[in-house]
Protein backbone atom coordinates (compact mmCIF):
# COMPACT_ATOMS: atom_id res chain seq x y z
CA MET A 1 0.00 0.00 0.00
CA LYS A 2 1.18 3.48 -0.80
CA CYS A 3 1.83 6.09 1.86
CA PRO A 4 -0.89 8.80 1.76
CA THR A 5 1.71 11.44 2.62
CA CYS A 6 4.06 11.03 -0.33
CA GLU A 7 2.11 8.46 -2.37
CA SER A 8 5.32 6.65 -3.22
CA CYS A 9 6.78 4.70 -0.30
CA GLU A 10 5.05 1.66 1.14
CA TYR A 11 3.54 1.56 4.61
CA ALA A 12 3.00 -1.33 6.94
CA GLN A 13 -0.32 -2.60 8.22
CA TYR A 14 -0.66 -3.66 11.86
CA CYS A 15 -3.58 -5.69 13.17
CA GLY A 16 -4.88 -4.82 16.61
CA ALA A 17 -7.47 -6.49 18.80
CA THR A 18 -10.32 -4.34 17.53
CA GLU A 19 -8.93 -2.36 14.64
CA ILE A 20 -6.27 -2.18 12.00
CA MET A 21 -3.70 0.54 12.46
CA ARG A 22 -1.66 1.51 9.44
CA LYS A 23 1.51 3.51 9.72
CA CYS A 24 4.09 4.74 7.24
CA GLU A 25 7.53 3.75 8.55
CA ARG A 26 9.21 6.58 6.67
CA HIS A 27 6.86 9.38 7.74
CA ASN A 28 5.69 7.87 11.04
CA LYS A 29 2.12 8.78 10.11
CA LYS A 30 -0.93 6.83 11.21
CA VAL A 31 -3.61 6.35 8.59
CA GLU A 32 -7.30 6.16 9.43
CA GLN A 33 -9.02 2.83 9.04
CA THR A 34 -11.62 2.36 6.29
CA ASN A 35 -15.03 0.80 6.90
CA GLU A 36 -13.95 -2.22 4.85
CA GLU A 37 -10.87 -2.74 7.02
CA TRP A 38 -12.99 -2.41 10.16
CA LEU A 39 -15.43 -5.04 8.86
CA HIS A 40 -12.55 -7.46 8.35
CA THR A 41 -11.63 -7.16 12.04
CA LEU A 42 -15.00 -8.46 13.24
CA ASN A 43 -15.48 -12.04 14.38
CA THR A 44 -18.50 -14.06 13.19
CA GLU A 45 -20.80 -12.97 16.01
CA GLN A 46 -19.84 -9.30 15.70
CA LEU A 47 -20.33 -9.36 11.93
CA ALA A 48 -23.69 -11.13 12.32
CA GLY A 49 -24.81 -8.50 14.83
CA PHE A 50 -23.73 -5.70 12.52
CA LEU A 51 -25.59 -7.22 9.56
CA ALA A 52 -28.74 -7.78 11.62
CA ASP A 53 -28.66 -4.19 12.89
CA LYS A 54 -28.22 -2.76 9.39
CA CYS A 55 -31.01 -4.93 7.93
CA ASN A 56 -33.32 -3.96 10.79
CA GLU A 57 -32.61 -0.29 10.09
CA VAL A 58 -33.81 -0.88 6.52
CA VAL A 59 -36.94 -2.68 7.76
CA GLU A 60 -37.70 0.22 10.11
CA THR A 61 -37.24 2.73 7.30
CA VAL A 62 -39.52 0.80 4.95
CA LEU A 63 -42.20 0.39 7.62
CA SER A 64 -41.94 4.05 8.55
CA ASP A 65 -42.19 5.12 4.90
CA ALA A 66 -45.30 2.93 4.60
CA SER A 67 -46.76 4.82 7.58
CA CYS A 68 -46.73 1.72 9.78
CA ASP A 69 -46.40 2.12 13.51
CA ILE A 70 -43.27 0.10 14.23
CA GLY A 71 -44.37 -0.39 17.84
CA ASP A 72 -47.47 -2.25 16.65
CA ILE A 73 -45.38 -4.83 14.79
CA ASP A 74 -44.30 -7.56 17.18
CA ASN A 75 -44.04 -10.33 14.59
CA ASP A 76 -40.48 -11.67 14.62
CA ASP A 77 -40.79 -12.40 10.90
CA TYR A 78 -40.08 -8.74 10.19
CA TRP A 79 -36.85 -8.53 12.17
CA TYR A 80 -33.44 -9.99 11.45
CA ARG A 81 -31.69 -11.80 14.29
CA GLN A 82 -27.99 -12.10 14.91
CA ALA A 83 -28.35 -15.88 15.28
CA ASP A 84 -29.78 -16.15 11.75
CA PHE A 85 -26.75 -14.37 10.32
CA VAL A 86 -24.32 -16.49 12.36
CA GLU A 87 -25.97 -19.59 10.91
CA TRP A 88 -25.77 -18.20 7.36
CA LEU A 89 -22.14 -17.07 7.73
CA LYS A 90 -21.11 -20.55 8.83
CA GLU A 91 -22.88 -22.34 5.95
CA LYS A 92 -20.88 -23.72 3.03
CA HIS A 93 -20.68 -21.25 0.15
CA TYR A 94 -21.91 -22.32 -3.29
CA GLU A 95 -21.33 -20.29 -6.42
């Protein structure tokens, strides 16, 4: 990866417990983490929780746009659960 300071020298990538920290050895500059890099740091359960939360945000938006009272909807069929995503993430992938 190219250093964002000079765009020529390479910089190293260091993995931390919860995030990736990138730093140019030559310029000693830390580089902010991208959303994609952050996603790659998540374990299965964390990723499943993130996916469920994002999907539920979409469901809430759609229901709200349809003028539905979200509080009146208690049917679990409308909501995504972390456990469902964990199960899907651990399934064998077929092309």
